[in-house]
Amino acid sequence: MSRPKIRYAKALALSGLDYERLAVFPDAEVVSRLTAITGIGRWTAEVYALQALGRADVFPHGDLALQEAARQVFHLPARPSETEMRTLAENWAPFRAVAARLLWAYYKHHKSREGIG
């Protein structure tokens, strides 16, 4: 592991994070508590809430694969920014995590087809 990753792993280990209590906090509180730990950014916190905690209304707006999939699905001229994704995803509440999983699946399928022809 690189030095920064070692530092981040130590910060997480020493954070005293109570994973069981984390599971009962509202989504915004989960993201807030996780991002307070050195090395954990918003994307990581949102993906953790979506995947590990099974939250239904969390969407990692900064995810490049989700942005690219949205560009393709909605025929956008350019990949939407994190802010634009936030606006787009508002329409999918309270099931934004479902939309994220669908967009990831679309992206994976689309990428595996590239170059085939």
C-alpha atoms as a PDB file:
ATOM      1  CA  MET A   1       0.000   0.000   0.000  1.00  0.00           C
ATOM      2  CA  SER A   2       1.129   3.538  -0.660  1.00  0.00           C
ATOM      3  CA  ARG A   3       1.888   5.890   2.221  1.00  0.00           C
ATOM      4  CA  PRO A   4      -1.309   7.887   1.714  1.00  0.00           C
ATOM      5  CA  LYS A   5      -3.397   4.703   1.706  1.00  0.00           C
ATOM      6  CA  ILE A   6      -1.669   3.522   4.875  1.00  0.00           C
ATOM      7  CA  ARG A   7      -2.454   6.894   6.463  1.00  0.00           C
ATOM      8  CA  TYR A   8      -6.123   6.642   5.376  1.00  0.00           C
ATOM      9  CA  ALA A   9      -6.419   3.066   6.651  1.00  0.00           C
ATOM     10  CA  LYS A  10      -4.980   4.116  10.009  1.00  0.00           C
ATOM     11  CA  ALA A  11      -7.331   7.088  10.174  1.00  0.00           C
ATOM     12  CA  LEU A  12     -10.286   4.783   9.569  1.00  0.00           C
ATOM     13  CA  ALA A  13      -9.050   2.231  12.107  1.00  0.00           C
ATOM     14  CA  LEU A  14      -8.528   4.925  14.747  1.00  0.00           C
ATOM     15  CA  SER A  15     -11.738   6.816  13.974  1.00  0.00           C
ATOM     16  CA  GLY A  16     -13.829   4.898  16.473  1.00  0.00           C
ATOM     17  CA  LEU A  17     -16.536   4.592  13.850  1.00  0.00           C
ATOM     18  CA  ASP A  18     -19.429   2.574  15.206  1.00  0.00           C
ATOM     19  CA  TYR A  19     -20.582   0.608  12.157  1.00  0.00           C
ATOM     20  CA  GLU A  20     -23.727  -0.686  13.834  1.00  0.00           C
ATOM     21  CA  ARG A  21     -24.857   2.828  14.799  1.00  0.00           C
ATOM     22  CA  LEU A  22     -23.861   4.129  11.379  1.00  0.00           C
ATOM     23  CA  ALA A  23     -26.406   1.785   9.854  1.00  0.00           C
ATOM     24  CA  VAL A  24     -29.303   3.547  11.613  1.00  0.00           C
ATOM     25  CA  PHE A  25     -28.331   7.142  10.811  1.00  0.00           C
ATOM     26  CA  PRO A  26     -30.073   9.043   8.005  1.00  0.00           C
ATOM     27  CA  ASP A  27     -28.234   9.044   4.665  1.00  0.00           C
ATOM     28  CA  ALA A  28     -26.846  12.569   5.036  1.00  0.00           C
ATOM     29  CA  GLU A  29     -25.500  11.752   8.499  1.00  0.00           C
ATOM     30  CA  VAL A  30     -23.799   8.602   7.197  1.00  0.00           C
ATOM     31  CA  VAL A  31     -22.067  10.614   4.467  1.00  0.00           C
ATOM     32  CA  SER A  32     -21.137  13.355   6.935  1.00  0.00           C
ATOM     33  CA  ARG A  33     -19.634  10.960   9.474  1.00  0.00           C
ATOM     34  CA  LEU A  34     -17.684   9.039   6.854  1.00  0.00           C
ATOM     35  CA  THR A  35     -16.302  12.097   5.080  1.00  0.00           C
ATOM     36  CA  ALA A  36     -15.083  13.445   8.420  1.00  0.00           C
ATOM     37  CA  ILE A  37     -12.487  10.653   8.362  1.00  0.00           C
ATOM     38  CA  THR A  38      -9.239  11.477   6.564  1.00  0.00           C
ATOM     39  CA  GLY A  39      -9.114   9.797   3.170  1.00  0.00           C
ATOM     40  CA  ILE A  40     -12.837   9.200   2.778  1.00  0.00           C
ATOM     41  CA  GLY A  41     -14.465  11.440   0.220  1.00  0.00           C
ATOM     42  CA  ARG A  42     -18.062  11.954  -0.755  1.00  0.00           C
ATOM     43  CA  TRP A  43     -17.966   9.318  -3.529  1.00  0.00           C
ATOM     44  CA  THR A  44     -16.623   6.658  -1.155  1.00  0.00           C
ATOM     45  CA  ALA A  45     -19.182   7.527   1.510  1.00  0.00           C
ATOM     46  CA  GLU A  46     -22.076   7.448  -0.955  1.00  0.00           C
ATOM     47  CA  VAL A  47     -20.980   4.149  -2.486  1.00  0.00           C
ATOM     48  CA  TYR A  48     -20.599   2.673   1.012  1.00  0.00           C
ATOM     49  CA  ALA A  49     -24.099   3.817   1.965  1.00  0.00           C
ATOM     50  CA  LEU A  50     -25.540   2.455  -1.268  1.00  0.00           C
ATOM     51  CA  GLN A  51     -23.688  -0.878  -1.364  1.00  0.00           C
ATOM     52  CA  ALA A  52     -22.793  -1.829   2.205  1.00  0.00           C
ATOM     53  CA  LEU A  53     -25.772  -0.278   3.969  1.00  0.00           C
ATOM     54  CA  GLY A  54     -28.271  -0.969   1.201  1.00  0.00           C
ATOM     55  CA  ARG A  55     -29.652   2.562   1.165  1.00  0.00           C
ATOM     56  CA  ALA A  56     -32.361   3.058  -1.461  1.00  0.00           C
ATOM     57  CA  ASP A  57     -32.027   6.786  -2.008  1.00  0.00           C
ATOM     58  CA  VAL A  58     -28.279   7.349  -2.267  1.00  0.00           C
ATOM     59  CA  PHE A  59     -26.637   8.265  -5.569  1.00  0.00           C
ATOM     60  CA  PRO A  60     -22.898   8.887  -6.059  1.00  0.00           C
ATOM     61  CA  HIS A  61     -23.230  11.928  -8.321  1.00  0.00           C
ATOM     62  CA  GLY A  62     -19.487  12.192  -8.898  1.00  0.00           C
ATOM     63  CA  ASP A  63     -19.163   8.675 -10.324  1.00  0.00           C
ATOM     64  CA  LEU A  64     -17.739   8.929 -13.850  1.00  0.00           C
ATOM     65  CA  ALA A  65     -19.372   5.701 -15.043  1.00  0.00           C
ATOM     66  CA  LEU A  66     -22.782   6.961 -13.902  1.00  0.00           C
ATOM     67  CA  GLN A  67     -22.166  10.287 -15.604  1.00  0.00           C
ATOM     68  CA  GLU A  68     -21.129   8.619 -18.851  1.00  0.00           C
ATOM     69  CA  ALA A  69     -24.062   6.206 -18.768  1.00  0.00           C
ATOM     70  CA  ALA A  70     -26.451   9.121 -18.212  1.00  0.00           C
ATOM     71  CA  ARG A  71     -24.884  10.913 -21.182  1.00  0.00           C
ATOM     72  CA  GLN A  72     -25.548   7.906 -23.385  1.00  0.00           C
ATOM     73  CA  VAL A  73     -29.005   7.002 -22.076  1.00  0.00           C
ATOM     74  CA  PHE A  74     -30.339  10.543 -22.233  1.00  0.00           C
ATOM     75  CA  HIS A  75     -28.459  11.460 -25.438  1.00  0.00           C
ATOM     76  CA  LEU A  76     -26.711  14.383 -23.786  1.00  0.00           C
ATOM     77  CA  PRO A  77     -24.093  16.318 -25.780  1.00  0.00           C
ATOM     78  CA  ALA A  78     -21.499  15.933 -22.999  1.00  0.00           C
ATOM     79  CA  ARG A  79     -21.007  13.933 -19.841  1.00  0.00           C
ATOM     80  CA  PRO A  80     -22.985  15.705 -17.095  1.00  0.00           C
ATOM     81  CA  SER A  81     -21.076  17.277 -14.225  1.00  0.00           C
ATOM     82  CA  GLU A  82     -21.596  16.226 -10.631  1.00  0.00           C
ATOM     83  CA  THR A  83     -23.937  19.201 -10.182  1.00  0.00           C
ATOM     84  CA  GLU A  84     -25.904  18.312 -13.309  1.00  0.00           C
ATOM     85  CA  MET A  85     -26.161  14.693 -12.142  1.00  0.00           C
ATOM     86  CA  ARG A  86     -27.493  15.916  -8.808  1.00  0.00           C
ATOM     87  CA  THR A  87     -30.286  17.772 -10.632  1.00  0.00           C
ATOM     88  CA  LEU A  88     -31.006  14.834 -12.935  1.00  0.00           C
ATOM     89  CA  ALA A  89     -31.117  12.351 -10.056  1.00  0.00           C
ATOM     90  CA  GLU A  90     -33.650  14.422  -8.093  1.00  0.00           C
ATOM     91  CA  ASN A  91     -36.330  12.919 -10.336  1.00  0.00           C
ATOM     92  CA  TRP A  92     -35.433   9.408  -9.190  1.00  0.00           C
ATOM     93  CA  ALA A  93     -35.987   9.932  -5.462  1.00  0.00           C
ATOM     94  CA  PRO A  94     -36.668   7.985  -3.306  1.00  0.00           C
ATOM     95  CA  PHE A  95     -35.025   5.199  -5.340  1.00  0.00           C
ATOM     96  CA  ARG A  96     -31.844   6.828  -6.611  1.00  0.00           C
ATOM     97  CA  ALA A  97     -29.785   3.763  -5.680  1.00  0.00           C
ATOM     98  CA  VAL A  98     -31.883   1.711  -8.096  1.00  0.00           C
ATOM     99  CA  ALA A  99     -31.158   4.258 -10.821  1.00  0.00           C
ATOM    100  CA  ALA A 100     -27.442   4.080  -9.978  1.00  0.00           C
ATOM    101  CA  ARG A 101     -27.433   0.292 -10.274  1.00  0.00           C
ATOM    102  CA  LEU A 102     -29.289   0.441 -13.587  1.00  0.00           C
ATOM    103  CA  LEU A 103     -26.886   3.030 -14.976  1.00  0.00           C
ATOM    104  CA  TRP A 104     -23.869   1.003 -13.807  1.00  0.00           C
ATOM    105  CA  ALA A 105     -25.310  -2.091 -15.496  1.00  0.00           C
ATOM    106  CA  TYR A 106     -25.938  -0.119 -18.687  1.00  0.00           C
ATOM    107  CA  TYR A 107     -22.394   1.259 -18.595  1.00  0.00           C
ATOM    108  CA  LYS A 108     -20.888  -2.205 -18.071  1.00  0.00           C
ATOM    109  CA  HIS A 109     -22.950  -3.666 -20.911  1.00  0.00           C
ATOM    110  CA  HIS A 110     -22.141  -0.776 -23.236  1.00  0.00           C
ATOM    111  CA  LYS A 111     -18.405  -0.916 -22.480  1.00  0.00           C
ATOM    112  CA  SER A 112     -18.248  -4.664 -23.076  1.00  0.00           C
ATOM    113  CA  ARG A 113     -19.762  -4.121 -26.522  1.00  0.00           C
ATOM    114  CA  GLU A 114     -17.330  -1.417 -27.640  1.00  0.00           C
ATOM    115  CA  GLY A 115     -15.095  -2.504 -30.466  1.00  0.00           C
ATOM    116  CA  ILE A 116     -17.388  -5.356 -31.467  1.00  0.00           C
ATOM    117  CA  GLY A 117     -18.685  -4.936 -34.893  1.00  0.00           C
END
